[in-house]
């Protein structure tokens, strides 16, 4: 079943100045995407951040996909 990023990614002005982050953490989506882009596996990221789950990491990717499909004016 596909991961819906809306279940795992939040943005609130009072935390990280509104940057998208993993719900329940102060871990920005951009950090996770950067680790993935650098070649780290989900398992390696989870070893660095044991509170993260594979679904949350997949949600970061789904969020990036969503942003890449947004239409700009």
PDB file of N, CA and C in Angstrom:
ATOM      1  N   UNK A   1       0.841  -1.192   0.000  1.00  0.00           N
ATOM      2  CA  UNK A   1       0.000   0.000   0.000  1.00  0.00           C
ATOM      3  C   UNK A   1       0.884   1.252   0.000  1.00  0.00           C
ATOM      4  N   UNK A   2       0.589   2.224  -0.851  1.00  0.00           N
ATOM      5  CA  UNK A   2       1.406   3.435  -0.924  1.00  0.00           C
ATOM      6  C   UNK A   2       1.360   4.237   0.380  1.00  0.00           C
ATOM      7  N   UNK A   3       2.447   4.945   0.607  1.00  0.00           N
ATOM      8  CA  UNK A   3       2.546   5.816   1.780  1.00  0.00           C
ATOM      9  C   UNK A   3       1.964   7.179   1.414  1.00  0.00           C
ATOM     10  N   UNK A   4       1.108   7.710   2.280  1.00  0.00           N
ATOM     11  CA  UNK A   4       0.575   9.056   2.096  1.00  0.00           C
ATOM     12  C   UNK A   4       1.391   9.989   2.985  1.00  0.00           C
ATOM     13  N   UNK A   5       2.142  10.877   2.368  1.00  0.00           N
ATOM     14  CA  UNK A   5       3.029  11.755   3.140  1.00  0.00           C
ATOM     15  C   UNK A   5       2.267  12.570   4.173  1.00  0.00           C
ATOM     16  N   UNK A   6       0.995  12.864   3.935  1.00  0.00           N
ATOM     17  CA  UNK A   6       0.206  13.692   4.852  1.00  0.00           C
ATOM     18  C   UNK A   6       0.047  13.059   6.230  1.00  0.00           C
ATOM     19  N   UNK A   7       0.234  11.756   6.313  1.00  0.00           N
ATOM     20  CA  UNK A   7       0.131  11.066   7.599  1.00  0.00           C
ATOM     21  C   UNK A   7       1.409  11.201   8.422  1.00  0.00           C
ATOM     22  N   UNK A   8       2.510  11.583   7.792  1.00  0.00           N
ATOM     23  CA  UNK A   8       3.809  11.562   8.460  1.00  0.00           C
ATOM     24  C   UNK A   8       4.581  12.877   8.427  1.00  0.00           C
ATOM     25  N   UNK A   9       4.183  13.804   7.580  1.00  0.00           N
ATOM     26  CA  UNK A   9       4.924  15.059   7.405  1.00  0.00           C
ATOM     27  C   UNK A   9       4.046  16.230   7.841  1.00  0.00           C
ATOM     28  N   UNK A  10       4.623  17.117   8.648  1.00  0.00           N
ATOM     29  CA  UNK A  10       3.894  18.300   9.117  1.00  0.00           C
ATOM     30  C   UNK A  10       4.770  19.534   8.958  1.00  0.00           C
ATOM     31  N   UNK A  11       4.129  20.675   9.030  1.00  0.00           N
ATOM     32  CA  UNK A  11       4.822  21.955   9.008  1.00  0.00           C
ATOM     33  C   UNK A  11       4.056  22.908   9.913  1.00  0.00           C
ATOM     34  N   UNK A  12       4.734  23.389  10.937  1.00  0.00           N
ATOM     35  CA  UNK A  12       4.116  24.346  11.849  1.00  0.00           C
ATOM     36  C   UNK A  12       5.081  25.513  12.038  1.00  0.00           C
ATOM     37  N   UNK A  13       4.568  26.744  12.003  1.00  0.00           N
ATOM     38  CA  UNK A  13       5.440  27.914  12.083  1.00  0.00           C
ATOM     39  C   UNK A  13       6.328  27.943  13.335  1.00  0.00           C
ATOM     40  N   UNK A  14       5.863  27.383  14.435  1.00  0.00           N
ATOM     41  CA  UNK A  14       6.609  27.459  15.694  1.00  0.00           C
ATOM     42  C   UNK A  14       7.762  26.452  15.785  1.00  0.00           C
ATOM     43  N   UNK A  15       7.811  25.485  14.872  1.00  0.00           N
ATOM     44  CA  UNK A  15       8.859  24.464  14.921  1.00  0.00           C
ATOM     45  C   UNK A  15       9.671  24.523  13.629  1.00  0.00           C
ATOM     46  N   UNK A  16      10.975  24.679  13.768  1.00  0.00           N
ATOM     47  CA  UNK A  16      11.896  24.756  12.623  1.00  0.00           C
ATOM     48  C   UNK A  16      11.483  25.828  11.615  1.00  0.00           C
ATOM     49  N   UNK A  17      10.897  26.891  12.113  1.00  0.00           N
ATOM     50  CA  UNK A  17      10.450  28.017  11.272  1.00  0.00           C
ATOM     51  C   UNK A  17       9.548  27.577  10.128  1.00  0.00           C
ATOM     52  N   UNK A  18       8.760  26.539  10.385  1.00  0.00           N
ATOM     53  CA  UNK A  18       7.788  26.095   9.391  1.00  0.00           C
ATOM     54  C   UNK A  18       8.301  25.115   8.366  1.00  0.00           C
ATOM     55  N   UNK A  19       9.570  24.707   8.477  1.00  0.00           N
ATOM     56  CA  UNK A  19      10.085  23.711   7.533  1.00  0.00           C
ATOM     57  C   UNK A  19       9.323  22.402   7.693  1.00  0.00           C
ATOM     58  N   UNK A  20       9.136  21.714   6.598  1.00  0.00           N
ATOM     59  CA  UNK A  20       8.491  20.397   6.649  1.00  0.00           C
ATOM     60  C   UNK A  20       9.367  19.470   7.482  1.00  0.00           C
ATOM     61  N   UNK A  21       8.720  18.714   8.379  1.00  0.00           N
ATOM     62  CA  UNK A  21       9.447  17.814   9.258  1.00  0.00           C
ATOM     63  C   UNK A  21       8.647  16.545   9.468  1.00  0.00           C
ATOM     64  N   UNK A  22       9.318  15.540   9.997  1.00  0.00           N
ATOM     65  CA  UNK A  22       8.649  14.289  10.313  1.00  0.00           C
ATOM     66  C   UNK A  22       7.799  14.522  11.562  1.00  0.00           C
ATOM     67  N   UNK A  23       6.536  14.168  11.480  1.00  0.00           N
ATOM     68  CA  UNK A  23       5.592  14.387  12.576  1.00  0.00           C
ATOM     69  C   UNK A  23       6.130  13.779  13.873  1.00  0.00           C
ATOM     70  N   UNK A  24       6.021  14.547  14.952  1.00  0.00           N
ATOM     71  CA  UNK A  24       6.455  14.073  16.260  1.00  0.00           C
ATOM     72  C   UNK A  24       7.947  14.212  16.505  1.00  0.00           C
ATOM     73  N   UNK A  25       8.660  14.837  15.548  1.00  0.00           N
ATOM     74  CA  UNK A  25      10.105  15.025  15.685  1.00  0.00           C
ATOM     75  C   UNK A  25      10.472  16.443  15.272  1.00  0.00           C
ATOM     76  N   UNK A  26      11.742  16.742  15.412  1.00  0.00           N
ATOM     77  CA  UNK A  26      12.282  17.989  14.876  1.00  0.00           C
ATOM     78  C   UNK A  26      13.230  17.670  13.713  1.00  0.00           C
ATOM     79  N   UNK A  27      13.005  16.549  13.064  1.00  0.00           N
ATOM     80  CA  UNK A  27      13.846  16.111  11.957  1.00  0.00           C
ATOM     81  C   UNK A  27      13.252  16.639  10.647  1.00  0.00           C
ATOM     82  N   UNK A  28      13.960  17.560   9.978  1.00  0.00           N
ATOM     83  CA  UNK A  28      13.421  18.110   8.729  1.00  0.00           C
ATOM     84  C   UNK A  28      13.456  17.094   7.593  1.00  0.00           C
ATOM     85  N   UNK A  29      12.457  17.172   6.743  1.00  0.00           N
ATOM     86  CA  UNK A  29      12.384  16.316   5.563  1.00  0.00           C
ATOM     87  C   UNK A  29      13.641  16.498   4.720  1.00  0.00           C
ATOM     88  N   UNK A  30      14.124  17.713   4.617  1.00  0.00           N
ATOM     89  CA  UNK A  30      15.305  17.981   3.791  1.00  0.00           C
ATOM     90  C   UNK A  30      16.522  17.200   4.276  1.00  0.00           C
ATOM     91  N   UNK A  31      16.647  16.981   5.565  1.00  0.00           N
ATOM     92  CA  UNK A  31      17.770  16.206   6.101  1.00  0.00           C
ATOM     93  C   UNK A  31      17.683  14.757   5.633  1.00  0.00           C
ATOM     94  N   UNK A  32      16.486  14.182   5.731  1.00  0.00           N
ATOM     95  CA  UNK A  32      16.293  12.792   5.303  1.00  0.00           C
ATOM     96  C   UNK A  32      16.545  12.662   3.807  1.00  0.00           C
ATOM     97  N   UNK A  33      16.023  13.593   3.019  1.00  0.00           N
ATOM     98  CA  UNK A  33      16.242  13.547   1.575  1.00  0.00           C
ATOM     99  C   UNK A  33      17.721  13.701   1.238  1.00  0.00           C
ATOM    100  N   UNK A  34      18.420  14.528   1.982  1.00  0.00           N
ATOM    101  CA  UNK A  34      19.850  14.690   1.766  1.00  0.00           C
ATOM    102  C   UNK A  34      20.616  13.407   2.035  1.00  0.00           C
ATOM    103  N   UNK A  35      20.248  12.712   3.097  1.00  0.00           N
ATOM    104  CA  UNK A  35      20.888  11.427   3.396  1.00  0.00           C
ATOM    105  C   UNK A  35      20.608  10.417   2.289  1.00  0.00           C
ATOM    106  N   UNK A  36      19.372  10.374   1.822  1.00  0.00           N
ATOM    107  CA  UNK A  36      19.036   9.450   0.741  1.00  0.00           C
ATOM    108  C   UNK A  36      19.803   9.805  -0.531  1.00  0.00           C
ATOM    109  N   UNK A  37      19.895  11.090  -0.836  1.00  0.00           N
ATOM    110  CA  UNK A  37      20.620  11.531  -2.026  1.00  0.00           C
ATOM    111  C   UNK A  37      22.111  11.200  -1.935  1.00  0.00           C
ATOM    112  N   UNK A  38      22.626  11.150  -0.716  1.00  0.00           N
ATOM    113  CA  UNK A  38      24.038  10.818  -0.509  1.00  0.00           C
ATOM    114  C   UNK A  38      24.292   9.314  -0.555  1.00  0.00           C
ATOM    115  N   UNK A  39      23.215   8.545  -0.736  1.00  0.00           N
ATOM    116  CA  UNK A  39      23.374   7.106  -0.885  1.00  0.00           C
ATOM    117  C   UNK A  39      23.105   6.277   0.360  1.00  0.00           C
ATOM    118  N   UNK A  40      22.660   6.922   1.436  1.00  0.00           N
ATOM    119  CA  UNK A  40      22.348   6.157   2.638  1.00  0.00           C
ATOM    120  C   UNK A  40      21.065   5.369   2.433  1.00  0.00           C
ATOM    121  N   UNK A  41      21.012   4.190   3.003  1.00  0.00           N
ATOM    122  CA  UNK A  41      19.793   3.381   2.946  1.00  0.00           C
ATOM    123  C   UNK A  41      18.865   3.789   4.089  1.00  0.00           C
ATOM    124  N   UNK A  42      17.616   3.380   3.977  1.00  0.00           N
ATOM    125  CA  UNK A  42      16.663   3.646   5.061  1.00  0.00           C
ATOM    126  C   UNK A  42      17.173   3.047   6.367  1.00  0.00           C
ATOM    127  N   UNK A  43      17.766   1.867   6.301  1.00  0.00           N
ATOM    128  CA  UNK A  43      18.273   1.214   7.505  1.00  0.00           C
ATOM    129  C   UNK A  43      19.396   2.029   8.141  1.00  0.00           C
ATOM    130  N   UNK A  44      20.260   2.609   7.318  1.00  0.00           N
ATOM    131  CA  UNK A  44      21.341   3.436   7.849  1.00  0.00           C
ATOM    132  C   UNK A  44      20.799   4.707   8.504  1.00  0.00           C
ATOM    133  N   UNK A  45      19.787   5.287   7.892  1.00  0.00           N
ATOM    134  CA  UNK A  45      19.179   6.495   8.456  1.00  0.00           C
ATOM    135  C   UNK A  45      18.511   6.159   9.790  1.00  0.00           C
ATOM    136  N   UNK A  46      17.818   5.047   9.833  1.00  0.00           N
ATOM    137  CA  UNK A  46      17.161   4.632  11.067  1.00  0.00           C
ATOM    138  C   UNK A  46      18.194   4.360  12.164  1.00  0.00           C
ATOM    139  N   UNK A  47      19.366   3.853  11.796  1.00  0.00           N
ATOM    140  CA  UNK A  47      20.393   3.633  12.812  1.00  0.00           C
ATOM    141  C   UNK A  47      20.889   4.962  13.391  1.00  0.00           C
ATOM    142  N   UNK A  48      20.855   6.030  12.590  1.00  0.00           N
ATOM    143  CA  UNK A  48      21.218   7.374  13.066  1.00  0.00           C
ATOM    144  C   UNK A  48      20.092   8.014  13.873  1.00  0.00           C
ATOM    145  N   UNK A  49      18.855   7.715  13.491  1.00  0.00           N
ATOM    146  CA  UNK A  49      17.663   8.273  14.124  1.00  0.00           C
ATOM    147  C   UNK A  49      16.717   7.122  14.479  1.00  0.00           C
ATOM    148  N   UNK A  50      16.971   6.434  15.588  1.00  0.00           N
ATOM    149  CA  UNK A  50      16.202   5.224  15.917  1.00  0.00           C
ATOM    150  C   UNK A  50      14.697   5.437  16.085  1.00  0.00           C
ATOM    151  N   UNK A  51      14.277   6.685  16.290  1.00  0.00           N
ATOM    152  CA  UNK A  51      12.841   6.951  16.428  1.00  0.00           C
ATOM    153  C   UNK A  51      12.111   6.984  15.086  1.00  0.00           C
ATOM    154  N   UNK A  52      12.865   7.043  13.988  1.00  0.00           N
ATOM    155  CA  UNK A  52      12.243   7.053  12.657  1.00  0.00           C
ATOM    156  C   UNK A  52      11.834   5.650  12.244  1.00  0.00           C
ATOM    157  N   UNK A  53      10.855   5.597  11.351  1.00  0.00           N
ATOM    158  CA  UNK A  53      10.418   4.322  10.782  1.00  0.00           C
ATOM    159  C   UNK A  53      10.635   4.350   9.272  1.00  0.00           C
ATOM    160  N   UNK A  54      10.598   3.195   8.686  1.00  0.00           N
ATOM    161  CA  UNK A  54      10.689   3.107   7.233  1.00  0.00           C
ATOM    162  C   UNK A  54       9.557   3.855   6.553  1.00  0.00           C
ATOM    163  N   UNK A  55       8.364   3.803   7.126  1.00  0.00           N
ATOM    164  CA  UNK A  55       7.226   4.521   6.552  1.00  0.00           C
ATOM    165  C   UNK A  55       7.460   6.026   6.564  1.00  0.00           C
ATOM    166  N   UNK A  56       8.077   6.540   7.605  1.00  0.00           N
ATOM    167  CA  UNK A  56       8.349   7.977   7.663  1.00  0.00           C
ATOM    168  C   UNK A  56       9.365   8.382   6.604  1.00  0.00           C
ATOM    169  N   UNK A  57      10.359   7.542   6.386  1.00  0.00           N
ATOM    170  CA  UNK A  57      11.352   7.836   5.347  1.00  0.00           C
ATOM    171  C   UNK A  57      10.694   7.778   3.969  1.00  0.00           C
ATOM    172  N   UNK A  58       9.846   6.794   3.756  1.00  0.00           N
ATOM    173  CA  UNK A  58       9.113   6.708   2.485  1.00  0.00           C
ATOM    174  C   UNK A  58       8.205   7.924   2.311  1.00  0.00           C
ATOM    175  N   UNK A  59       7.633   8.414   3.401  1.00  0.00           N
ATOM    176  CA  UNK A  59       6.771   9.598   3.329  1.00  0.00           C
ATOM    177  C   UNK A  59       7.570  10.823   2.898  1.00  0.00           C
ATOM    178  N   UNK A  60       8.829  10.917   3.312  1.00  0.00           N
ATOM    179  CA  UNK A  60       9.680  12.025   2.872  1.00  0.00           C
ATOM    180  C   UNK A  60       9.848  11.990   1.355  1.00  0.00           C
ATOM    181  N   UNK A  61      10.048  10.805   0.822  1.00  0.00           N
ATOM    182  CA  UNK A  61      10.167  10.665  -0.638  1.00  0.00           C
ATOM    183  C   UNK A  61       8.850  11.003  -1.328  1.00  0.00           C
ATOM    184  N   UNK A  62       7.737  10.569  -0.758  1.00  0.00           N
ATOM    185  CA  UNK A  62       6.434  10.864  -1.349  1.00  0.00           C
ATOM    186  C   UNK A  62       6.164  12.365  -1.307  1.00  0.00           C
ATOM    187  N   UNK A  63       6.594  13.022  -0.239  1.00  0.00           N
ATOM    188  CA  UNK A  63       6.440  14.465  -0.127  1.00  0.00           C
ATOM    189  C   UNK A  63       7.257  15.169  -1.226  1.00  0.00           C
ATOM    190  N   UNK A  64       8.471  14.715  -1.456  1.00  0.00           N
ATOM    191  CA  UNK A  64       9.301  15.273  -2.520  1.00  0.00           C
ATOM    192  C   UNK A  64       8.644  15.073  -3.884  1.00  0.00           C
ATOM    193  N   UNK A  65       8.077  13.902  -4.094  1.00  0.00           N
ATOM    194  CA  UNK A  65       7.367  13.627  -5.353  1.00  0.00           C
ATOM    195  C   UNK A  65       6.202  14.595  -5.512  1.00  0.00           C
ATOM    196  N   UNK A  66       5.437  14.771  -4.443  1.00  0.00           N
ATOM    197  CA  UNK A  66       4.301  15.697  -4.461  1.00  0.00           C
ATOM    198  C   UNK A  66       4.770  17.103  -4.842  1.00  0.00           C
ATOM    199  N   UNK A  67       5.829  17.585  -4.211  1.00  0.00           N
ATOM    200  CA  UNK A  67       6.318  18.935  -4.507  1.00  0.00           C
ATOM    201  C   UNK A  67       6.797  19.070  -5.941  1.00  0.00           C
ATOM    202  N   UNK A  68       7.387  18.012  -6.471  1.00  0.00           N
ATOM    203  CA  UNK A  68       7.895  18.087  -7.841  1.00  0.00           C
ATOM    204  C   UNK A  68       6.775  18.124  -8.872  1.00  0.00           C
ATOM    205  N   UNK A  69       5.580  17.691  -8.483  1.00  0.00           N
ATOM    206  CA  UNK A  69       4.445  17.683  -9.404  1.00  0.00           C
ATOM    207  C   UNK A  69       3.590  18.928  -9.294  1.00  0.00           C
ATOM    208  N   UNK A  70       3.845  19.790  -8.300  1.00  0.00           N
ATOM    209  CA  UNK A  70       3.026  20.983  -8.121  1.00  0.00           C
ATOM    210  C   UNK A  70       3.165  21.893  -9.338  1.00  0.00           C
ATOM    211  N   UNK A  71       2.065  22.473  -9.710  1.00  0.00           N
ATOM    212  CA  UNK A  71       2.042  23.406 -10.847  1.00  0.00           C
ATOM    213  C   UNK A  71       2.391  24.787 -10.330  1.00  0.00           C
ATOM    214  N   UNK A  72       3.292  25.465 -11.026  1.00  0.00           N
ATOM    215  CA  UNK A  72       3.629  26.836 -10.653  1.00  0.00           C
ATOM    216  C   UNK A  72       3.007  27.795 -11.641  1.00  0.00           C
ATOM    217  N   UNK A  73       2.734  28.982 -11.146  1.00  0.00           N
ATOM    218  CA  UNK A  73       2.089  29.990 -11.982  1.00  0.00           C
ATOM    219  C   UNK A  73       3.042  30.656 -12.931  1.00  0.00           C
TER     220      UNK A  73
END
